[in-house]
Structures are given as structure tokens and as C-alpha cells.
């Protein structure tokens, strides 16, 4: 398996994101309540961020995730994890953790002092992943209408 920096608008990550948004809309706790929100692709380009595609050895896309810089706080540079997704057939193999760890490493390399993310509590496995990776609940830091839970993790070099 390999992690490849890409643009979220490239064919493979765009297809994964379409699947992700479709899955979220179909399983959202409030029917018709999910509102897909994509960030500006420029936010995922160095030095502002990165978007990673996780591929199997044969090039099959297995997942993706992005990292972007957002407004700093008193803690310093703050980066946000966005669109962490693993295809259903590849779940349960630790790939979400691999993506999250890679994004965290990139955030540290970029000088971030705080890593944040939001999620919906209906995504129980995602919430469990974030908590087991050291993220702690925080007050909302954005107005994402799909989010019910916000997390943060202090970073050290």
C-alpha cells in the first residue's frame, strides 16, 4: 500500500469523495438533512495542506483524507482533518488509522500545534478512531451543519 499526495479533484479521489458524500447522505440520521460541503481544493496544497490517496499495491484506491490549515488560535498553527474515508470493502484493516497517522505526521512537519476535526456521532467507528488516536472533545470550532462532535489533539514536534 502507498499514500500518494493528490488533488481532491483528480479522478480517483473525486470518485472516493462522491462515494463518501453519497454514503453520508444515505445514512444520515435526519433523512435529506446531509449537506455535502467540499473545501476549496487549493486548501489541500502545500504549504497550506495536503490531500492523500491510499492505494493498494495494484493502484486500487482504498481511501483518502485531507489536511488544511485553518485560522490559528492561541495554540498556534491549527490544521483540520477533512474527508477521511475508507471504502467499505477495505474497512476493519486499520487503514483509517494509517491515513489519520499520515495526516498527523504531515501536520507536525508543517509546524501545526493543534489538529482538529469534526464528525457526526452517527459515525461511531470514526469517533472511536479519533478518541483512540488521542483526540479529545472540544467546543465547536466551525458551523458545519453535518457535525455533532468536534475534536482536537495538541501536537508536538
C-alpha atoms as a PDB file:
ATOM      1  CA  UNK A   1       0.000   0.000   0.000  1.00  0.00           C
ATOM      2  CA  UNK A   2       1.092   3.542  -0.607  1.00  0.00           C
ATOM      3  CA  UNK A   3      -0.028   7.049   0.257  1.00  0.00           C
ATOM      4  CA  UNK A   4       0.084   9.493  -2.632  1.00  0.00           C
ATOM      5  CA  UNK A   5      -0.389  13.277  -2.390  1.00  0.00           C
ATOM      6  CA  UNK A   6      -3.066  14.257  -4.929  1.00  0.00           C
ATOM      7  CA  UNK A   7      -5.582  16.975  -5.647  1.00  0.00           C
ATOM      8  CA  UNK A   8      -9.064  16.161  -4.348  1.00  0.00           C
ATOM      9  CA  UNK A   9     -10.283  16.994  -7.860  1.00  0.00           C
ATOM     10  CA  UNK A  10      -8.196  14.228  -9.506  1.00  0.00           C
ATOM     11  CA  UNK A  11     -10.304  11.331 -10.805  1.00  0.00           C
ATOM     12  CA  UNK A  12      -9.632   8.733  -8.071  1.00  0.00           C
ATOM     13  CA  UNK A  13     -10.057  10.978  -5.014  1.00  0.00           C
ATOM     14  CA  UNK A  14     -13.045  12.728  -6.616  1.00  0.00           C
ATOM     15  CA  UNK A  15     -14.727   9.341  -7.088  1.00  0.00           C
ATOM     16  CA  UNK A  16     -13.970   8.385  -3.470  1.00  0.00           C
ATOM     17  CA  UNK A  17     -15.385  11.692  -2.242  1.00  0.00           C
ATOM     18  CA  UNK A  18     -18.542  11.179  -4.317  1.00  0.00           C
ATOM     19  CA  UNK A  19     -18.945   7.754  -2.697  1.00  0.00           C
ATOM     20  CA  UNK A  20     -18.290   9.264   0.746  1.00  0.00           C
ATOM     21  CA  UNK A  21     -20.885  12.018   0.271  1.00  0.00           C
ATOM     22  CA  UNK A  22     -23.397   9.521  -1.117  1.00  0.00           C
ATOM     23  CA  UNK A  23     -22.857   7.160   1.811  1.00  0.00           C
ATOM     24  CA  UNK A  24     -23.239  10.014   4.297  1.00  0.00           C
ATOM     25  CA  UNK A  25     -26.441  11.275   2.655  1.00  0.00           C
ATOM     26  CA  UNK A  26     -27.960   7.776   2.628  1.00  0.00           C
ATOM     27  CA  UNK A  27     -27.091   7.063   6.263  1.00  0.00           C
ATOM     28  CA  UNK A  28     -27.537  10.499   7.777  1.00  0.00           C
ATOM     29  CA  UNK A  29     -29.705  10.430  10.936  1.00  0.00           C
ATOM     30  CA  UNK A  30     -32.070  13.040   9.502  1.00  0.00           C
ATOM     31  CA  UNK A  31     -33.254  11.981   6.018  1.00  0.00           C
ATOM     32  CA  UNK A  32     -32.423  14.680   3.497  1.00  0.00           C
ATOM     33  CA  UNK A  33     -30.516  16.581   6.168  1.00  0.00           C
ATOM     34  CA  UNK A  34     -26.977  15.919   4.961  1.00  0.00           C
ATOM     35  CA  UNK A  35     -25.397  18.803   3.091  1.00  0.00           C
ATOM     36  CA  UNK A  36     -22.186  17.899   1.237  1.00  0.00           C
ATOM     37  CA  UNK A  37     -19.567  20.586   1.711  1.00  0.00           C
ATOM     38  CA  UNK A  38     -16.332  20.500  -0.181  1.00  0.00           C
ATOM     39  CA  UNK A  39     -13.429  22.747   0.677  1.00  0.00           C
ATOM     40  CA  UNK A  40     -11.519  24.747  -1.902  1.00  0.00           C
ATOM     41  CA  UNK A  41      -9.023  22.287  -3.464  1.00  0.00           C
ATOM     42  CA  UNK A  42      -6.291  24.918  -3.066  1.00  0.00           C
ATOM     43  CA  UNK A  43      -6.603  24.474   0.716  1.00  0.00           C
ATOM     44  CA  UNK A  44      -5.147  20.973   0.287  1.00  0.00           C
ATOM     45  CA  UNK A  45      -1.956  22.033  -1.493  1.00  0.00           C
ATOM     46  CA  UNK A  46       1.384  22.656   0.218  1.00  0.00           C
ATOM     47  CA  UNK A  47       2.195  24.657   2.218  1.00  0.00           C
ATOM     48  CA  UNK A  48      -1.460  25.075   3.285  1.00  0.00           C
ATOM     49  CA  UNK A  49      -2.325  21.397   3.415  1.00  0.00           C
ATOM     50  CA  UNK A  50      -2.297  18.074   1.629  1.00  0.00           C
ATOM     51  CA  UNK A  51      -4.771  15.533   0.286  1.00  0.00           C
ATOM     52  CA  UNK A  52      -3.691  11.890   0.428  1.00  0.00           C
ATOM     53  CA  UNK A  53      -4.908   8.942  -1.598  1.00  0.00           C
ATOM     54  CA  UNK A  54      -4.335   5.486  -0.119  1.00  0.00           C
ATOM     55  CA  UNK A  55      -3.828   2.914  -2.854  1.00  0.00           C
ATOM     56  CA  UNK A  56      -3.401  -0.835  -2.777  1.00  0.00           C
ATOM     57  CA  UNK A  57      -0.232  -2.190  -4.407  1.00  0.00           C
ATOM     58  CA  UNK A  58      -2.125  -2.641  -7.668  1.00  0.00           C
ATOM     59  CA  UNK A  59      -3.239   1.027  -7.676  1.00  0.00           C
ATOM     60  CA  UNK A  60      -6.782   0.398  -6.443  1.00  0.00           C
ATOM     61  CA  UNK A  61      -7.970   3.407  -4.405  1.00  0.00           C
ATOM     62  CA  UNK A  62      -8.773   2.330  -0.838  1.00  0.00           C
ATOM     63  CA  UNK A  63      -9.262   5.637   0.923  1.00  0.00           C
ATOM     64  CA  UNK A  64      -8.418   9.281   1.179  1.00  0.00           C
ATOM     65  CA  UNK A  65      -8.148  12.165   3.577  1.00  0.00           C
ATOM     66  CA  UNK A  66      -7.190  15.799   3.630  1.00  0.00           C
ATOM     67  CA  UNK A  67      -5.452  18.243   5.873  1.00  0.00           C
ATOM     68  CA  UNK A  68      -5.829  22.009   5.657  1.00  0.00           C
ATOM     69  CA  UNK A  69      -4.668  24.996   7.650  1.00  0.00           C
ATOM     70  CA  UNK A  70      -7.419  26.953   9.371  1.00  0.00           C
ATOM     71  CA  UNK A  71      -7.426  30.138  11.424  1.00  0.00           C
ATOM     72  CA  UNK A  72      -4.842  29.949  14.221  1.00  0.00           C
ATOM     73  CA  UNK A  73      -5.755  30.135  17.862  1.00  0.00           C
ATOM     74  CA  UNK A  74      -3.724  30.886  20.963  1.00  0.00           C
ATOM     75  CA  UNK A  75      -2.138  27.448  20.496  1.00  0.00           C
ATOM     76  CA  UNK A  76      -0.504  28.481  17.191  1.00  0.00           C
ATOM     77  CA  UNK A  77      -0.904  26.919  13.739  1.00  0.00           C
ATOM     78  CA  UNK A  78      -4.050  24.825  13.563  1.00  0.00           C
ATOM     79  CA  UNK A  79      -4.802  22.237  10.897  1.00  0.00           C
ATOM     80  CA  UNK A  80      -8.043  20.387  10.228  1.00  0.00           C
ATOM     81  CA  UNK A  81      -8.554  16.807   9.061  1.00  0.00           C
ATOM     82  CA  UNK A  82     -11.204  16.633   6.326  1.00  0.00           C
ATOM     83  CA  UNK A  83     -12.922  13.856   4.373  1.00  0.00           C
ATOM     84  CA  UNK A  84     -11.206  10.865   5.982  1.00  0.00           C
ATOM     85  CA  UNK A  85     -12.755   7.942   4.110  1.00  0.00           C
ATOM     86  CA  UNK A  86     -12.025   4.250   3.564  1.00  0.00           C
ATOM     87  CA  UNK A  87     -14.012   2.238   1.029  1.00  0.00           C
ATOM     88  CA  UNK A  88     -16.415  -0.212   2.698  1.00  0.00           C
ATOM     89  CA  UNK A  89     -14.631  -3.312   1.349  1.00  0.00           C
ATOM     90  CA  UNK A  90     -11.350  -2.214   2.984  1.00  0.00           C
ATOM     91  CA  UNK A  91     -12.693  -1.259   6.412  1.00  0.00           C
ATOM     92  CA  UNK A  92     -11.540  -3.059   9.523  1.00  0.00           C
ATOM     93  CA  UNK A  93      -7.934  -3.338   8.299  1.00  0.00           C
ATOM     94  CA  UNK A  94      -6.502  -0.293  10.118  1.00  0.00           C
ATOM     95  CA  UNK A  95      -6.478   1.877   7.010  1.00  0.00           C
ATOM     96  CA  UNK A  96      -8.356   4.745   8.646  1.00  0.00           C
ATOM     97  CA  UNK A  97      -5.675   4.805  11.356  1.00  0.00           C
ATOM     98  CA  UNK A  98      -2.955   4.722   8.715  1.00  0.00           C
ATOM     99  CA  UNK A  99      -4.468   7.709   6.938  1.00  0.00           C
ATOM    100  CA  UNK A 100      -5.022   9.615  10.192  1.00  0.00           C
ATOM    101  CA  UNK A 101      -1.445   8.940  11.353  1.00  0.00           C
ATOM    102  CA  UNK A 102      -0.064  10.114   7.996  1.00  0.00           C
ATOM    103  CA  UNK A 103      -2.109  13.318   8.167  1.00  0.00           C
ATOM    104  CA  UNK A 104      -0.960  13.937  11.734  1.00  0.00           C
ATOM    105  CA  UNK A 105       2.678  13.482  10.675  1.00  0.00           C
ATOM    106  CA  UNK A 106       2.181  15.952   7.835  1.00  0.00           C
ATOM    107  CA  UNK A 107       0.611  18.439  10.247  1.00  0.00           C
ATOM    108  CA  UNK A 108       3.596  18.153  12.595  1.00  0.00           C
ATOM    109  CA  UNK A 109       6.005  18.607   9.664  1.00  0.00           C
ATOM    110  CA  UNK A 110       4.052  21.735   8.691  1.00  0.00           C
ATOM    111  CA  UNK A 111       4.512  23.215  12.153  1.00  0.00           C
ATOM    112  CA  UNK A 112       0.948  22.737  13.363  1.00  0.00           C
ATOM    113  CA  UNK A 113       0.455  22.860  17.118  1.00  0.00           C
ATOM    114  CA  UNK A 114      -3.156  21.680  17.105  1.00  0.00           C
ATOM    115  CA  UNK A 115      -5.013  19.175  14.925  1.00  0.00           C
ATOM    116  CA  UNK A 116      -8.802  19.443  14.839  1.00  0.00           C
ATOM    117  CA  UNK A 117     -11.689  17.679  13.133  1.00  0.00           C
ATOM    118  CA  UNK A 118     -15.442  17.390  13.266  1.00  0.00           C
ATOM    119  CA  UNK A 119     -17.719  14.411  12.772  1.00  0.00           C
ATOM    120  CA  UNK A 120     -21.258  13.246  13.301  1.00  0.00           C
ATOM    121  CA  UNK A 121     -21.954  10.979  16.270  1.00  0.00           C
ATOM    122  CA  UNK A 122     -23.738   8.565  13.916  1.00  0.00           C
ATOM    123  CA  UNK A 123     -20.251   7.666  12.627  1.00  0.00           C
ATOM    124  CA  UNK A 124     -19.449   5.584  15.696  1.00  0.00           C
ATOM    125  CA  UNK A 125     -16.356   3.894  14.242  1.00  0.00           C
ATOM    126  CA  UNK A 126     -14.900   7.268  13.230  1.00  0.00           C
ATOM    127  CA  UNK A 127     -15.477   8.704  16.698  1.00  0.00           C
ATOM    128  CA  UNK A 128     -13.813   5.646  18.225  1.00  0.00           C
ATOM    129  CA  UNK A 129     -10.836   6.028  15.899  1.00  0.00           C
ATOM    130  CA  UNK A 130     -10.391   9.691  16.783  1.00  0.00           C
ATOM    131  CA  UNK A 131     -10.637   9.094  20.525  1.00  0.00           C
ATOM    132  CA  UNK A 132      -8.219   6.156  20.385  1.00  0.00           C
ATOM    133  CA  UNK A 133      -5.774   8.364  18.445  1.00  0.00           C
ATOM    134  CA  UNK A 134      -5.714  10.900  21.281  1.00  0.00           C
ATOM    135  CA  UNK A 135      -8.335  13.389  20.132  1.00  0.00           C
ATOM    136  CA  UNK A 136     -10.480  14.900  22.874  1.00  0.00           C
ATOM    137  CA  UNK A 137     -13.901  16.554  22.584  1.00  0.00           C
ATOM    138  CA  UNK A 138     -13.849  20.357  22.255  1.00  0.00           C
ATOM    139  CA  UNK A 139     -16.336  23.139  21.731  1.00  0.00           C
ATOM    140  CA  UNK A 140     -17.417  23.656  18.106  1.00  0.00           C
ATOM    141  CA  UNK A 141     -14.793  25.489  16.064  1.00  0.00           C
ATOM    142  CA  UNK A 142     -16.896  25.793  12.902  1.00  0.00           C
ATOM    143  CA  UNK A 143     -20.505  25.888  11.783  1.00  0.00           C
ATOM    144  CA  UNK A 144     -20.572  22.597   9.858  1.00  0.00           C
ATOM    145  CA  UNK A 145     -24.306  21.707   9.747  1.00  0.00           C
ATOM    146  CA  UNK A 146     -23.469  17.984   9.485  1.00  0.00           C
ATOM    147  CA  UNK A 147     -21.275  17.886  12.593  1.00  0.00           C
ATOM    148  CA  UNK A 148     -22.402  16.992  16.092  1.00  0.00           C
ATOM    149  CA  UNK A 149     -18.970  16.368  17.621  1.00  0.00           C
ATOM    150  CA  UNK A 150     -15.727  18.334  17.463  1.00  0.00           C
ATOM    151  CA  UNK A 151     -12.300  17.052  18.497  1.00  0.00           C
ATOM    152  CA  UNK A 152      -8.780  18.401  18.952  1.00  0.00           C
ATOM    153  CA  UNK A 153      -5.336  16.989  19.600  1.00  0.00           C
ATOM    154  CA  UNK A 154      -2.318  19.047  20.674  1.00  0.00           C
ATOM    155  CA  UNK A 155       0.768  18.258  18.585  1.00  0.00           C
ATOM    156  CA  UNK A 156       4.429  18.313  19.496  1.00  0.00           C
ATOM    157  CA  UNK A 157       7.365  18.120  17.123  1.00  0.00           C
END
